[in-house]
Amino acid sequence: MKTLRIAFFLSLVLGVAQPAHAQEPTSRMITEEAKALYEKGEYGRALVAAKKALAMAEKAVGPNHPNTATSLNNLAELHRGHGQYKQADPLYKRVLAIREKYLDSNHLLLAASLNGYAELYRAQGRYAEAEPLYKRALTIREKSLRPSHPDLAQTLNNLAELYCSQGNYAWAKPLYERSLPIREKMLGADHPSMATALNNLAVIYHSEGQYAQADPLYKRAHRIYERTLGPDHENVATSLNNLAVIYHTQGQYAEAAPLYRRVLAVREKMLGFNNPDLAEVLSNLADLYQKQAQYEPAEPLYKRALAMREKALGPDHPEVAKDLSSLAELYRVQGQYAQAAPFYERSLAIFEKTVGSYHLNMAASLNNLATIYHTQGQYAQAELFYKRALGIFERSLGPDHPNVKLSLDNLAKLYRATDQSSAAEELGQQVARFETIPQ
């Protein structure tokens, strides 16, 4: 019987766009003061200055004037940049209402408001609300700006990041490919924001199995991050982790292992030894050891990742279920079926209750638990789980996917073991059909 592995973890880096402000003479000096204070990290004083500028604008021209909208927008950006989303939201709403009332539908200030409000929604994970705002901003900027304008690249990049956050890589890819040359010309080849876009485009190529395209982009992102941010920054760790996953996926374990260990060291130094954000690299490193039959060092890493996620996310979270499946598979490959089965069963109970993108993880657990039942002679239970896994793979991946072939082959072996020769022969013919499918 053949088993399936849960996918490795890739990491996106999400950047924050810098606002473009339009200032009025009455509040320009105070607003510039607020900007300077914020850049120095003096958020409290910057906030006072921005609020003062808003009060001056409201007194001079009223609360619903386009000039007041400028000060409102700047205050909203200040709150958003400091993670104060509840304070930013009503400000953006006022800005958008004023500018939609007084400005042309293709005005660039309206595009700036839409982009900023979308950034707020994206930061909060409110993707469905962010997308139409980004699209409106993009439409305005495409109509009003030259194809190489930095503000156009900003919105292209932000919308691409939104799609990456949702796993919609096919939609993100052309946006990154359009924005990268513009941003490189604007920011320079070694700007940290360039590294973010390079990393995320590499993640897209990676997800498509285009490792040769992803590898140099990850490496370039890593060089930029390390040169500009220092060797112990989280973005350095992220780019190294993603590069390690490429080597891992291709079986280049000697290249992947030292990268994973360095990622773990950087994150332990930054986050401490018990932070749940370490679980990703712990799971990846454990899987690397497991694939090399180094089971002893793999087990404590899986257990550590599981404990972190259980504590941070609760015992019934689907990410916990993924860790349970990984630990179960470690025991299964060693023939420790009594230890493996309860972990698979617990993971399945969680996946059964989960709505969203974890159905393929559930199918892998179903298949792998079925192999245990098969080996132990519990054929009825094995058949049920093989069939459930096959159904999920066919619905989700299509009838020609290799996982469908694997499930058919496992079920055929079960039928042979139980003297159901006719059913086994029928499935064998379906498996043979895969030999004619172009790879």
Protein backbone atom coordinates (compact mmCIF):
# COMPACT_ATOMS: atom_id res chain seq x y z
CA MET A 1 0.00 0.00 0.00
CA LYS A 2 1.12 3.53 -0.67
CA THR A 3 0.68 6.46 1.67
CA LEU A 4 0.47 10.20 1.18
CA ARG A 5 2.34 13.02 2.86
CA ILE A 6 0.89 16.28 4.03
CA ALA A 7 2.31 19.24 2.08
CA PHE A 8 5.24 21.22 3.41
CA PHE A 9 4.82 24.78 4.62
CA LEU A 10 5.71 27.71 2.40
CA SER A 11 5.71 31.25 3.72
CA LEU A 12 4.63 34.43 2.02
CA VAL A 13 5.96 37.80 3.03
CA LEU A 14 3.30 40.46 3.02
CA GLY A 15 4.39 44.06 2.58
CA VAL A 16 2.61 47.25 3.51
CA ALA A 17 2.26 49.90 0.83
CA GLN A 18 3.38 53.41 1.63
CA PRO A 19 0.66 56.07 1.32
CA ALA A 20 0.89 58.96 -1.08
CA HIS A 21 -0.34 62.08 0.68
CA ALA A 22 -1.72 65.26 -0.86
CA GLN A 23 -1.28 68.17 1.56
CA GLU A 24 -3.02 71.51 1.89
CA PRO A 25 -1.00 74.60 2.88
CA THR A 26 -2.96 75.12 6.11
CA SER A 27 -1.97 71.77 7.58
CA ARG A 28 1.07 70.77 5.53
CA MET A 29 3.69 71.72 8.13
CA ILE A 30 1.91 69.89 10.93
CA THR A 31 1.34 66.83 8.74
CA GLU A 32 4.99 66.77 7.71
CA GLU A 33 5.88 66.95 11.39
CA ALA A 34 3.61 63.94 12.07
CA LYS A 35 5.27 61.99 9.27
CA ALA A 36 8.77 62.78 10.55
CA LEU A 37 7.83 61.77 14.09
CA TYR A 38 6.30 58.49 12.90
CA GLU A 39 9.40 57.62 10.88
CA LYS A 40 11.46 58.15 14.05
CA GLY A 41 9.19 55.75 15.91
CA GLU A 42 7.51 58.45 18.00
CA TYR A 43 4.01 57.25 17.28
CA GLY A 44 2.30 59.06 20.17
CA ARG A 45 3.63 62.47 19.18
CA ALA A 46 2.93 61.76 15.49
CA LEU A 47 -0.68 60.96 16.35
CA VAL A 48 -1.08 64.22 18.26
CA ALA A 49 0.28 66.18 15.28
CA ALA A 50 -1.98 64.36 12.79
CA LYS A 51 -5.06 64.99 14.94
CA LYS A 52 -4.11 68.66 15.20
CA ALA A 53 -3.83 68.89 11.41
CA LEU A 54 -7.28 67.31 11.05
CA ALA A 55 -8.81 69.74 13.55
CA MET A 56 -7.32 72.70 11.65
CA ALA A 57 -8.72 71.43 8.35
CA GLU A 58 -12.19 70.84 9.80
CA LYS A 59 -12.22 74.33 11.30
CA ALA A 60 -11.00 75.96 8.09
CA VAL A 61 -13.18 74.24 5.47
CA GLY A 62 -15.66 72.02 7.36
CA PRO A 63 -15.83 68.30 8.16
CA ASN A 64 -16.91 67.14 4.67
CA HIS A 65 -14.54 69.09 2.43
CA PRO A 66 -12.05 67.31 0.14
CA ASN A 67 -9.22 69.11 1.94
CA THR A 68 -10.42 67.63 5.22
CA ALA A 69 -10.44 64.21 3.57
CA THR A 70 -6.68 64.56 3.06
CA SER A 71 -6.09 64.96 6.79
CA LEU A 72 -8.53 62.17 7.58
CA ASN A 73 -6.70 59.88 5.17
CA ASN A 74 -3.34 60.64 6.76
CA LEU A 75 -4.66 59.93 10.25
CA ALA A 76 -6.21 56.68 9.00
CA GLU A 77 -2.88 55.63 7.46
CA LEU A 78 -1.13 56.42 10.74
CA HIS A 79 -3.52 54.20 12.72
CA ARG A 80 -3.30 51.41 10.15
CA GLY A 81 0.48 51.50 10.13
CA HIS A 82 0.43 51.00 13.92
CA GLY A 83 -2.08 48.16 13.79
CA GLN A 84 -4.96 50.20 15.24
CA TYR A 85 -7.52 48.95 12.74
CA LYS A 86 -10.67 49.86 14.67
CA GLN A 87 -9.59 53.49 14.81
CA ALA A 88 -8.59 53.52 11.13
CA ASP A 89 -11.79 52.01 9.73
CA PRO A 90 -14.26 54.91 10.33
CA LEU A 91 -11.66 57.40 9.11
CA TYR A 92 -11.19 55.58 5.80
CA LYS A 93 -14.96 55.34 5.47
CA ARG A 94 -15.30 59.13 5.86
CA VAL A 95 -12.50 59.77 3.38
CA LEU A 96 -14.07 57.52 0.77
CA ALA A 97 -17.52 59.06 1.22
CA ILE A 98 -16.16 62.61 0.79
CA ARG A 99 -14.02 61.83 -2.21
CA GLU A 100 -16.73 59.82 -3.98
CA LYS A 101 -19.10 62.78 -3.54
CA TYR A 102 -16.79 65.58 -4.65
CA LEU A 103 -14.22 64.00 -6.99
CA ASP A 104 -14.46 62.52 -10.46
CA SER A 105 -14.88 58.72 -10.49
CA ASN A 106 -11.41 58.36 -12.04
CA HIS A 107 -9.60 60.80 -9.72
CA LEU A 108 -6.26 59.57 -8.42
CA LEU A 109 -7.01 60.67 -4.85
CA LEU A 110 -10.02 58.37 -4.93
CA ALA A 111 -7.74 55.54 -6.05
CA ALA A 112 -5.42 56.28 -3.12
CA SER A 113 -8.36 56.08 -0.69
CA LEU A 114 -9.56 52.80 -2.18
CA ASN A 115 -6.07 51.30 -2.01
CA GLY A 116 -5.57 52.37 1.62
CA TYR A 117 -8.96 51.07 2.73
CA ALA A 118 -8.29 47.78 0.93
CA GLU A 119 -4.96 47.50 2.76
CA LEU A 120 -6.81 47.86 6.05
CA TYR A 121 -9.21 45.05 5.13
CA ARG A 122 -6.35 42.83 3.96
CA ALA A 123 -4.47 43.35 7.22
CA GLN A 124 -7.60 42.17 9.06
CA GLY A 125 -8.05 39.13 6.83
CA ARG A 126 -11.24 40.61 5.33
CA TYR A 127 -10.27 39.56 1.84
CA ALA A 128 -13.71 39.60 0.25
CA GLU A 129 -14.10 43.26 1.23
CA ALA A 130 -10.57 44.21 0.17
CA GLU A 131 -10.66 42.74 -3.35
CA PRO A 132 -13.29 45.04 -4.96
CA LEU A 133 -11.56 48.11 -3.50
CA TYR A 134 -8.20 47.07 -4.94
CA LYS A 135 -9.83 46.39 -8.29
CA ARG A 136 -11.47 49.81 -8.37
CA ALA A 137 -8.16 51.47 -7.47
CA LEU A 138 -6.40 49.46 -10.17
CA THR A 139 -8.97 50.43 -12.80
CA ILE A 140 -8.55 54.13 -12.01
CA ARG A 141 -4.77 53.99 -12.03
CA GLU A 142 -4.67 52.01 -15.28
CA LYS A 143 -6.84 54.68 -16.93
CA SER A 144 -5.02 57.68 -15.47
CA LEU A 145 -1.36 56.70 -15.19
CA ARG A 146 1.34 55.53 -17.55
CA PRO A 147 1.99 51.76 -17.53
CA SER A 148 5.27 52.20 -15.64
CA HIS A 149 3.96 54.48 -12.88
CA PRO A 150 4.92 53.47 -9.28
CA ASP A 151 1.37 53.93 -7.95
CA LEU A 152 0.07 51.48 -10.54
CA ALA A 153 2.75 48.99 -9.49
CA GLN A 154 1.71 49.51 -5.86
CA THR A 155 -1.87 48.44 -6.50
CA LEU A 156 -0.79 45.54 -8.73
CA ASN A 157 1.50 44.34 -5.95
CA ASN A 158 -1.12 44.75 -3.22
CA LEU A 159 -3.78 42.86 -5.17
CA ALA A 160 -1.24 40.11 -5.91
CA GLU A 161 -0.49 39.81 -2.19
CA LEU A 162 -4.20 39.55 -1.46
CA TYR A 163 -4.55 36.68 -3.92
CA CYS A 164 -1.47 34.97 -2.46
CA SER A 165 -2.99 35.21 1.02
CA GLN A 166 -6.01 33.32 -0.34
CA GLY A 167 -3.93 30.77 -2.23
CA ASN A 168 -5.11 32.14 -5.59
CA TYR A 169 -1.65 31.98 -7.12
CA ALA A 170 -2.80 31.85 -10.73
CA TRP A 171 -4.44 35.27 -10.29
CA ALA A 172 -1.49 36.71 -8.41
CA LYS A 173 1.20 35.63 -10.86
CA PRO A 174 0.53 38.05 -13.76
CA LEU A 175 0.11 40.94 -11.32
CA TYR A 176 3.52 40.30 -9.77
CA GLU A 177 5.06 39.88 -13.21
CA ARG A 178 3.67 43.29 -14.22
CA SER A 179 4.62 45.07 -11.00
CA LEU A 180 8.14 43.74 -10.47
CA PRO A 181 9.93 45.58 -13.32
CA ILE A 182 8.22 48.85 -12.34
CA ARG A 183 9.07 48.48 -8.66
CA GLU A 184 12.65 47.51 -9.43
CA LYS A 185 13.12 50.66 -11.50
CA MET A 186 11.49 52.77 -8.79
CA LEU A 187 13.02 51.23 -5.66
CA GLY A 188 16.27 49.77 -6.92
CA ALA A 189 17.24 46.14 -7.24
CA ASP A 190 18.20 45.76 -3.57
CA HIS A 191 15.20 47.32 -1.81
CA PRO A 192 13.53 45.10 0.86
CA SER A 193 10.15 45.57 -0.83
CA MET A 194 11.63 44.06 -3.98
CA ALA A 195 12.67 41.03 -1.95
CA THR A 196 9.09 40.63 -0.71
CA ALA A 197 7.72 40.56 -4.25
CA LEU A 198 10.49 38.22 -5.41
CA ASN A 199 9.76 35.80 -2.55
CA ASN A 200 6.05 35.78 -3.26
CA LEU A 201 6.48 35.28 -7.00
CA ALA A 202 8.84 32.42 -6.16
CA VAL A 203 6.13 30.88 -3.96
CA ILE A 204 3.81 30.94 -6.98
CA TYR A 205 6.34 29.22 -9.25
CA HIS A 206 7.04 26.79 -6.42
CA SER A 207 3.35 25.91 -6.07
CA GLU A 208 3.28 25.19 -9.81
CA GLY A 209 6.27 22.85 -9.51
CA GLN A 210 8.48 25.27 -11.48
CA TYR A 211 11.43 24.86 -9.13
CA ALA A 212 14.03 26.12 -11.59
CA GLN A 213 12.19 29.46 -11.78
CA ALA A 214 11.55 29.66 -8.04
CA ASP A 215 15.07 28.84 -6.85
CA PRO A 216 16.91 31.98 -8.12
CA LEU A 217 14.10 34.25 -6.93
CA TYR A 218 14.26 32.83 -3.40
CA LYS A 219 18.04 33.20 -3.43
CA ARG A 220 17.86 36.79 -4.65
CA ALA A 221 15.22 37.65 -2.03
CA HIS A 222 17.41 36.10 0.65
CA ARG A 223 20.49 38.09 -0.41
CA ILE A 224 18.53 41.35 -0.35
CA TYR A 225 16.98 40.64 3.04
CA GLU A 226 20.25 39.60 4.63
CA ARG A 227 22.12 42.61 3.24
CA THR A 228 19.47 45.17 4.20
CA LEU A 229 17.88 43.68 7.33
CA GLY A 230 20.68 41.62 8.88
CA PRO A 231 21.10 37.85 9.24
CA ASP A 232 18.60 37.37 12.07
CA HIS A 233 15.49 39.00 10.58
CA GLU A 234 12.24 37.03 10.13
CA ASN A 235 12.16 37.74 6.38
CA VAL A 236 15.63 36.19 6.07
CA ALA A 237 14.30 33.10 7.84
CA THR A 238 11.24 32.99 5.57
CA SER A 239 13.25 33.07 2.36
CA LEU A 240 15.62 30.39 3.70
CA ASN A 241 12.68 28.21 4.73
CA ASN A 242 11.14 28.43 1.28
CA LEU A 243 14.45 27.61 -0.39
CA ALA A 244 14.82 24.63 1.95
CA VAL A 245 11.35 23.40 0.94
CA ILE A 246 12.41 23.41 -2.72
CA TYR A 247 15.40 21.20 -1.94
CA HIS A 248 13.25 19.07 0.38
CA THR A 249 10.60 18.52 -2.30
CA GLN A 250 13.23 17.42 -4.82
CA GLY A 251 14.89 15.02 -2.38
CA GLN A 252 17.99 17.20 -1.93
CA TYR A 253 18.03 16.58 1.79
CA ALA A 254 21.68 17.48 2.38
CA GLU A 255 21.01 20.97 0.99
CA ALA A 256 17.71 21.42 2.86
CA ALA A 257 18.76 20.36 6.36
CA PRO A 258 21.24 23.14 7.19
CA LEU A 259 18.79 25.75 5.89
CA TYR A 260 16.00 24.43 8.13
CA ARG A 261 18.34 24.39 11.11
CA ARG A 262 19.35 27.98 10.47
CA VAL A 263 15.70 29.04 10.13
CA LEU A 264 14.95 27.35 13.45
CA ALA A 265 17.89 29.09 15.13
CA VAL A 266 16.87 32.52 13.83
CA ARG A 267 13.25 32.10 14.90
CA GLU A 268 14.15 30.70 18.31
CA LYS A 269 16.40 33.70 18.86
CA MET A 270 13.68 36.12 17.75
CA LEU A 271 10.60 34.45 19.20
CA GLY A 272 11.77 32.26 22.06
CA PHE A 273 11.61 28.48 22.26
CA ASN A 274 7.85 28.06 22.76
CA ASN A 275 6.37 30.36 20.13
CA PRO A 276 3.83 28.58 17.87
CA ASP A 277 5.39 30.22 14.81
CA LEU A 278 8.25 27.73 15.22
CA ALA A 279 5.91 24.82 14.46
CA GLU A 280 6.26 25.28 10.70
CA VAL A 281 10.00 24.70 10.52
CA LEU A 282 9.89 22.01 13.22
CA SER A 283 7.42 20.02 11.10
CA ASN A 284 9.45 20.52 7.94
CA LEU A 285 12.71 19.43 9.62
CA ALA A 286 10.98 16.42 11.19
CA ASP A 287 9.66 15.36 7.79
CA LEU A 288 13.15 15.70 6.35
CA TYR A 289 14.54 13.34 8.99
CA GLN A 290 11.65 10.92 8.47
CA LYS A 291 12.24 10.72 4.72
CA GLN A 292 15.82 9.67 5.48
CA ALA A 293 14.58 7.03 7.98
CA GLN A 294 16.05 9.08 10.84
CA TYR A 295 13.03 8.46 13.03
CA GLU A 296 14.60 9.16 16.41
CA PRO A 297 15.35 12.88 15.81
CA ALA A 298 12.07 13.34 13.92
CA GLU A 299 9.74 12.28 16.75
CA PRO A 300 10.57 15.03 19.30
CA LEU A 301 10.31 17.69 16.59
CA TYR A 302 6.82 16.52 15.56
CA LYS A 303 5.76 16.35 19.21
CA ARG A 304 7.11 19.83 19.92
CA ALA A 305 5.23 21.28 16.91
CA LEU A 306 2.04 19.51 17.98
CA ALA A 307 2.28 20.79 21.57
CA MET A 308 2.85 24.37 20.38
CA ARG A 309 -0.14 24.36 18.07
CA GLU A 310 -2.44 22.68 20.57
CA LYS A 311 -1.59 25.35 23.11
CA ALA A 312 -1.91 28.25 20.66
CA LEU A 313 -4.86 27.08 18.53
CA GLY A 314 -6.74 24.64 20.71
CA PRO A 315 -7.01 20.85 20.41
CA ASP A 316 -9.56 20.85 17.57
CA HIS A 317 -7.86 23.15 15.06
CA PRO A 318 -7.15 21.74 11.57
CA GLU A 319 -3.47 22.71 11.83
CA VAL A 320 -3.33 20.51 14.93
CA ALA A 321 -4.90 17.74 12.85
CA LYS A 322 -2.12 18.07 10.29
CA ASP A 323 0.49 17.64 13.02
CA LEU A 324 -1.39 14.62 14.38
CA SER A 325 -1.34 13.06 10.89
CA SER A 326 2.39 13.66 10.56
CA LEU A 327 3.14 12.02 13.90
CA ALA A 328 0.83 9.13 13.03
CA GLU A 329 2.66 8.58 9.76
CA LEU A 330 6.01 8.53 11.59
CA TYR A 331 4.73 5.66 13.75
CA ARG A 332 3.10 3.88 10.80
CA VAL A 333 6.26 3.71 8.70
CA GLN A 334 8.01 2.09 11.67
CA GLY A 335 5.25 -0.53 11.93
CA GLN A 336 4.00 0.94 15.20
CA TYR A 337 0.36 0.67 14.21
CA ALA A 338 -1.07 0.76 17.72
CA GLN A 339 0.57 4.15 18.28
CA ALA A 340 -0.30 5.48 14.83
CA ALA A 341 -3.99 4.65 14.63
CA PRO A 342 -5.30 6.89 17.45
CA PHE A 343 -3.42 9.89 16.05
CA TYR A 344 -4.94 9.31 12.60
CA GLU A 345 -8.38 8.81 14.13
CA ARG A 346 -8.12 12.03 16.11
CA SER A 347 -6.92 13.96 13.05
CA LEU A 348 -9.84 12.64 11.02
CA ALA A 349 -12.33 13.65 13.69
CA ILE A 350 -11.00 17.21 13.44
CA PHE A 351 -10.92 17.29 9.64
CA GLU A 352 -14.52 16.00 9.52
CA LYS A 353 -15.63 19.14 11.35
CA THR A 354 -13.47 21.51 9.31
CA VAL A 355 -14.86 23.63 6.51
CA GLY A 356 -12.45 24.96 3.91
CA SER A 357 -9.20 23.89 2.33
CA TYR A 358 -8.28 20.85 4.46
CA HIS A 359 -10.22 18.18 2.53
CA LEU A 360 -7.06 16.92 0.83
CA ASN A 361 -5.35 16.57 4.21
CA MET A 362 -8.34 14.52 5.34
CA ALA A 363 -8.08 12.33 2.24
CA ALA A 364 -4.39 11.67 2.98
CA SER A 365 -5.25 10.67 6.56
CA LEU A 366 -8.07 8.42 5.34
CA ASN A 367 -5.74 6.68 2.89
CA ASN A 368 -2.98 6.22 5.43
CA LEU A 369 -5.24 4.95 8.20
CA ALA A 370 -6.77 2.56 5.65
CA THR A 371 -3.29 1.08 5.05
CA ILE A 372 -3.05 0.30 8.78
CA TYR A 373 -6.44 -1.42 8.79
CA HIS A 374 -5.44 -3.26 5.60
CA THR A 375 -2.20 -4.50 7.15
CA GLN A 376 -4.04 -5.61 10.30
CA GLY A 377 -6.67 -7.50 8.31
CA GLN A 378 -9.51 -5.09 9.10
CA TYR A 379 -10.59 -5.18 5.48
CA ALA A 380 -14.09 -3.73 5.75
CA GLN A 381 -12.84 -0.62 7.52
CA ALA A 382 -9.90 -0.31 5.13
CA GLU A 383 -12.20 -0.53 2.10
CA LEU A 384 -14.48 2.18 3.46
CA PHE A 385 -11.58 4.58 4.06
CA TYR A 386 -9.87 3.84 0.73
CA LYS A 387 -13.13 4.62 -1.06
CA ARG A 388 -13.66 7.85 0.86
CA ALA A 389 -10.11 8.99 0.05
CA LEU A 390 -10.58 8.08 -3.62
CA GLY A 391 -13.82 10.07 -3.81
CA ILE A 392 -12.20 13.19 -2.34
CA PHE A 393 -9.21 12.97 -4.67
CA GLU A 394 -11.37 12.49 -7.75
CA ARG A 395 -13.65 15.42 -6.87
CA SER A 396 -10.83 17.77 -5.87
CA LEU A 397 -8.01 16.86 -8.23
CA GLY A 398 -9.71 15.30 -11.22
CA PRO A 399 -9.70 11.69 -12.47
CA ASP A 400 -6.18 11.83 -13.92
CA HIS A 401 -4.27 12.95 -10.82
CA PRO A 402 -1.52 10.65 -9.41
CA ASN A 403 -3.29 10.54 -6.03
CA VAL A 404 -6.31 9.01 -7.76
CA LYS A 405 -4.04 6.33 -9.25
CA LEU A 406 -2.56 5.65 -5.80
CA SER A 407 -6.01 5.23 -4.25
CA LEU A 408 -7.20 2.94 -7.03
CA ASP A 409 -4.06 0.83 -6.70
CA ASN A 410 -4.47 0.50 -2.92
CA LEU A 411 -8.10 -0.53 -3.30
CA ALA A 412 -7.18 -3.06 -5.99
CA LYS A 413 -4.59 -4.64 -3.66
CA LEU A 414 -7.22 -4.88 -0.94
CA TYR A 415 -9.58 -6.71 -3.31
CA ARG A 416 -6.82 -9.13 -4.31
CA ALA A 417 -6.09 -9.82 -0.64
CA THR A 418 -9.76 -10.62 -0.05
CA ASP A 419 -10.18 -12.78 -3.20
CA GLN A 420 -12.41 -10.25 -4.97
CA SER A 421 -10.65 -10.89 -8.25
CA SER A 422 -13.26 -9.34 -10.53
CA ALA A 423 -13.28 -6.03 -8.66
CA ALA A 424 -9.48 -6.09 -8.44
CA GLU A 425 -9.16 -6.67 -12.20
CA GLU A 426 -11.51 -3.78 -12.97
CA LEU A 427 -9.50 -1.40 -10.78
CA GLY A 428 -6.27 -2.74 -12.25
CA GLN A 429 -7.47 -1.72 -15.70
CA GLN A 430 -8.21 1.78 -14.40
CA VAL A 431 -4.71 1.96 -12.93
CA ALA A 432 -3.20 0.79 -16.23
CA ARG A 433 -4.98 3.66 -18.00
CA PHE A 434 -2.65 6.08 -16.22
CA GLU A 435 0.29 4.73 -18.20
CA THR A 436 -1.24 6.31 -21.31
CA ILE A 437 -1.70 9.75 -19.72
CA PRO A 438 1.07 12.23 -20.70
CA GLN A 439 3.12 13.29 -17.70
